[in-house]
Amino acid sequence: MYISTGNKKIHKSCLIFNLPTSVCFGCGKQCKSCFALKAEYMYPNVLPCRLNNLKDSKKSSFTSEMIKNLSKRTKKIMRIHESGDFYSQSYINKWKEIIQALPHIQFYAYSKKLNKFDFSEIC
């Protein structure tokens, strides 16, 4: 599981968990101007890292591993998906558990799937 920290657009004090653009709605191969897709082509380690995160996110241990990982961090802001999106209700529910377990961390995410899944418990 790879969690990055800030970049040119997001402050270095922010943690970031990314998934591949293949799980984006409105982005991916059909979107030639997508910044996240460009990174997957420009930097050879980006796509394998994001694919590994996707694989990890599907494991039953994802929630406990993420909580353990984030508990060790000093940074208190977490962006879920600078790249990628929520891909299932089960995945959303995992993040709900993570967010509830770590009230000292401020989580935020943007999603184009608000009408597809139930985010009511998180928002």
C-alpha atoms as a PDB file:
ATOM      1  CA  MET A   1       0.000   0.000   0.000  1.00  0.00           C
ATOM      2  CA  TYR A   2       1.498   3.297  -1.079  1.00  0.00           C
ATOM      3  CA  ILE A   3       0.482   6.613   0.455  1.00  0.00           C
ATOM      4  CA  SER A   4       2.152   9.681  -1.001  1.00  0.00           C
ATOM      5  CA  THR A   5       2.457  13.191   0.367  1.00  0.00           C
ATOM      6  CA  GLY A   6       1.619  16.457  -1.361  1.00  0.00           C
ATOM      7  CA  ASN A   7       2.804  17.638  -4.746  1.00  0.00           C
ATOM      8  CA  LYS A   8       2.808  20.889  -6.738  1.00  0.00           C
ATOM      9  CA  LYS A   9      -0.939  21.374  -6.259  1.00  0.00           C
ATOM     10  CA  ILE A  10      -1.542  19.734  -2.876  1.00  0.00           C
ATOM     11  CA  HIS A  11       0.369  20.895   0.191  1.00  0.00           C
ATOM     12  CA  LYS A  12       3.125  18.595   1.478  1.00  0.00           C
ATOM     13  CA  SER A  13       1.249  18.245   4.777  1.00  0.00           C
ATOM     14  CA  CYS A  14      -1.432  16.179   3.013  1.00  0.00           C
ATOM     15  CA  LEU A  15      -1.370  12.399   2.610  1.00  0.00           C
ATOM     16  CA  ILE A  16      -2.725  10.984  -0.662  1.00  0.00           C
ATOM     17  CA  PHE A  17      -4.036   7.511  -1.544  1.00  0.00           C
ATOM     18  CA  ASN A  18      -4.430   6.944  -5.293  1.00  0.00           C
ATOM     19  CA  LEU A  19      -6.001   4.318  -7.509  1.00  0.00           C
ATOM     20  CA  PRO A  20      -5.472   3.874 -11.254  1.00  0.00           C
ATOM     21  CA  THR A  21      -7.443   6.016 -13.683  1.00  0.00           C
ATOM     22  CA  SER A  22      -9.112   2.845 -14.959  1.00  0.00           C
ATOM     23  CA  VAL A  23     -11.555   3.117 -12.025  1.00  0.00           C
ATOM     24  CA  CYS A  24     -12.338   6.791 -12.722  1.00  0.00           C
ATOM     25  CA  PHE A  25     -15.704   7.915 -13.973  1.00  0.00           C
ATOM     26  CA  GLY A  26     -15.177  10.419 -16.761  1.00  0.00           C
ATOM     27  CA  CYS A  27     -11.435   9.874 -16.834  1.00  0.00           C
ATOM     28  CA  GLY A  28      -9.150   7.151 -18.047  1.00  0.00           C
ATOM     29  CA  LYS A  29      -8.289   6.198 -21.598  1.00  0.00           C
ATOM     30  CA  GLN A  30     -11.179   8.190 -23.076  1.00  0.00           C
ATOM     31  CA  CYS A  31      -9.912  11.403 -21.474  1.00  0.00           C
ATOM     32  CA  LYS A  32      -6.743  12.524 -23.222  1.00  0.00           C
ATOM     33  CA  SER A  33      -6.298  15.638 -21.060  1.00  0.00           C
ATOM     34  CA  CYS A  34      -6.558  13.850 -17.708  1.00  0.00           C
ATOM     35  CA  PHE A  35      -3.604  14.867 -15.495  1.00  0.00           C
ATOM     36  CA  ALA A  36      -3.715  11.546 -13.616  1.00  0.00           C
ATOM     37  CA  LEU A  37      -3.645   9.551 -16.846  1.00  0.00           C
ATOM     38  CA  LYS A  38      -0.677  11.590 -18.086  1.00  0.00           C
ATOM     39  CA  ALA A  39       1.239  10.717 -14.910  1.00  0.00           C
ATOM     40  CA  GLU A  40       0.595   7.008 -15.545  1.00  0.00           C
ATOM     41  CA  TYR A  41       2.262   7.333 -18.953  1.00  0.00           C
ATOM     42  CA  MET A  42       5.038   9.789 -18.071  1.00  0.00           C
ATOM     43  CA  TYR A  43       6.366   8.082 -14.940  1.00  0.00           C
ATOM     44  CA  PRO A  44       6.906   4.317 -15.196  1.00  0.00           C
ATOM     45  CA  ASN A  45       6.400   3.616 -11.481  1.00  0.00           C
ATOM     46  CA  VAL A  46       3.024   5.408 -11.136  1.00  0.00           C
ATOM     47  CA  LEU A  47       0.665   2.908 -12.788  1.00  0.00           C
ATOM     48  CA  PRO A  48       2.111  -0.196 -11.068  1.00  0.00           C
ATOM     49  CA  CYS A  49       1.875   1.611  -7.731  1.00  0.00           C
ATOM     50  CA  ARG A  50      -1.746   2.591  -8.309  1.00  0.00           C
ATOM     51  CA  LEU A  51      -2.624  -0.903  -9.517  1.00  0.00           C
ATOM     52  CA  ASN A  52      -1.074  -2.320  -6.356  1.00  0.00           C
ATOM     53  CA  ASN A  53      -3.186   0.087  -4.280  1.00  0.00           C
ATOM     54  CA  LEU A  54      -6.290  -1.123  -6.126  1.00  0.00           C
ATOM     55  CA  LYS A  55      -5.353  -4.730  -5.411  1.00  0.00           C
ATOM     56  CA  ASP A  56      -4.725  -3.900  -1.750  1.00  0.00           C
ATOM     57  CA  SER A  57      -8.026  -2.025  -1.483  1.00  0.00           C
ATOM     58  CA  LYS A  58      -9.899  -5.199  -2.435  1.00  0.00           C
ATOM     59  CA  LYS A  59      -8.355  -7.253   0.378  1.00  0.00           C
ATOM     60  CA  SER A  60     -10.369  -7.921   3.500  1.00  0.00           C
ATOM     61  CA  SER A  61      -7.406  -6.594   5.511  1.00  0.00           C
ATOM     62  CA  PHE A  62      -7.410  -3.203   3.739  1.00  0.00           C
ATOM     63  CA  THR A  63      -9.281  -1.381   6.497  1.00  0.00           C
ATOM     64  CA  SER A  64      -7.088  -2.599   9.341  1.00  0.00           C
ATOM     65  CA  GLU A  65      -3.890  -2.099   7.322  1.00  0.00           C
ATOM     66  CA  MET A  66      -4.865   1.466   6.370  1.00  0.00           C
ATOM     67  CA  ILE A  67      -5.780   2.321   9.960  1.00  0.00           C
ATOM     68  CA  LYS A  68      -2.466   0.911  11.172  1.00  0.00           C
ATOM     69  CA  ASN A  69      -0.536   2.761   8.470  1.00  0.00           C
ATOM     70  CA  LEU A  70      -2.251   6.105   9.066  1.00  0.00           C
ATOM     71  CA  SER A  71      -1.984   5.797  12.853  1.00  0.00           C
ATOM     72  CA  LYS A  72       1.804   5.947  12.505  1.00  0.00           C
ATOM     73  CA  ARG A  73       1.702   9.181  10.492  1.00  0.00           C
ATOM     74  CA  THR A  74       2.090  12.656  11.908  1.00  0.00           C
ATOM     75  CA  LYS A  75       0.212  14.341   9.074  1.00  0.00           C
ATOM     76  CA  LYS A  76      -3.433  15.058   9.860  1.00  0.00           C
ATOM     77  CA  ILE A  77      -4.975  15.557   6.413  1.00  0.00           C
ATOM     78  CA  MET A  78      -5.719  12.736   3.949  1.00  0.00           C
ATOM     79  CA  ARG A  79      -6.960  13.047   0.396  1.00  0.00           C
ATOM     80  CA  ILE A  80      -8.647   9.919  -0.839  1.00  0.00           C
ATOM     81  CA  HIS A  81      -8.034   9.687  -4.601  1.00  0.00           C
ATOM     82  CA  GLU A  82      -6.143  12.382  -6.324  1.00  0.00           C
ATOM     83  CA  SER A  83      -6.347   9.713  -9.008  1.00  0.00           C
ATOM     84  CA  GLY A  84      -9.078   7.101  -9.209  1.00  0.00           C
ATOM     85  CA  ASP A  85     -12.516   7.021  -7.615  1.00  0.00           C
ATOM     86  CA  PHE A  86     -14.753   4.950  -5.394  1.00  0.00           C
ATOM     87  CA  TYR A  87     -15.525   1.776  -7.326  1.00  0.00           C
ATOM     88  CA  SER A  88     -18.016  -0.086  -5.090  1.00  0.00           C
ATOM     89  CA  GLN A  89     -20.216   0.314  -2.041  1.00  0.00           C
ATOM     90  CA  SER A  90     -18.004  -2.164  -0.207  1.00  0.00           C
ATOM     91  CA  TYR A  91     -14.967   0.029  -0.861  1.00  0.00           C
ATOM     92  CA  ILE A  92     -16.835   3.101   0.381  1.00  0.00           C
ATOM     93  CA  ASN A  93     -17.781   1.198   3.529  1.00  0.00           C
ATOM     94  CA  LYS A  94     -14.110   0.389   4.146  1.00  0.00           C
ATOM     95  CA  TRP A  95     -13.271   4.080   4.019  1.00  0.00           C
ATOM     96  CA  LYS A  96     -16.164   4.808   6.358  1.00  0.00           C
ATOM     97  CA  GLU A  97     -14.592   2.468   8.935  1.00  0.00           C
ATOM     98  CA  ILE A  98     -11.175   4.055   8.436  1.00  0.00           C
ATOM     99  CA  ILE A  99     -12.547   7.577   8.849  1.00  0.00           C
ATOM    100  CA  GLN A 100     -14.468   6.637  11.981  1.00  0.00           C
ATOM    101  CA  ALA A 101     -11.407   4.967  13.509  1.00  0.00           C
ATOM    102  CA  LEU A 102      -9.194   8.013  12.943  1.00  0.00           C
ATOM    103  CA  PRO A 103     -11.152  11.112  14.026  1.00  0.00           C
ATOM    104  CA  HIS A 104      -7.914  13.104  14.462  1.00  0.00           C
ATOM    105  CA  ILE A 105      -7.307  12.971  10.692  1.00  0.00           C
ATOM    106  CA  GLN A 106      -9.273  15.169   8.318  1.00  0.00           C
ATOM    107  CA  PHE A 107     -10.256  13.125   5.241  1.00  0.00           C
ATOM    108  CA  TYR A 108     -11.537  14.493   1.980  1.00  0.00           C
ATOM    109  CA  ALA A 109     -12.323  13.163  -1.484  1.00  0.00           C
ATOM    110  CA  TYR A 110     -13.939  14.235  -4.704  1.00  0.00           C
ATOM    111  CA  SER A 111     -16.122  11.771  -6.576  1.00  0.00           C
ATOM    112  CA  LYS A 112     -18.197  11.730  -9.714  1.00  0.00           C
ATOM    113  CA  LYS A 113     -20.113   8.742  -8.358  1.00  0.00           C
ATOM    114  CA  LEU A 114     -22.245  10.445  -5.710  1.00  0.00           C
ATOM    115  CA  ASN A 115     -25.447   9.304  -7.414  1.00  0.00           C
ATOM    116  CA  LYS A 116     -24.275   5.727  -7.832  1.00  0.00           C
ATOM    117  CA  PHE A 117     -23.333   4.843  -4.248  1.00  0.00           C
ATOM    118  CA  ASP A 118     -24.474   5.674  -0.734  1.00  0.00           C
ATOM    119  CA  PHE A 119     -22.109   8.220   0.818  1.00  0.00           C
ATOM    120  CA  SER A 120     -24.615   9.404   3.432  1.00  0.00           C
ATOM    121  CA  GLU A 121     -22.776   7.895   6.369  1.00  0.00           C
ATOM    122  CA  ILE A 122     -19.492   9.581   5.372  1.00  0.00           C
ATOM    123  CA  CYS A 123     -20.511  13.075   4.266  1.00  0.00           C
END
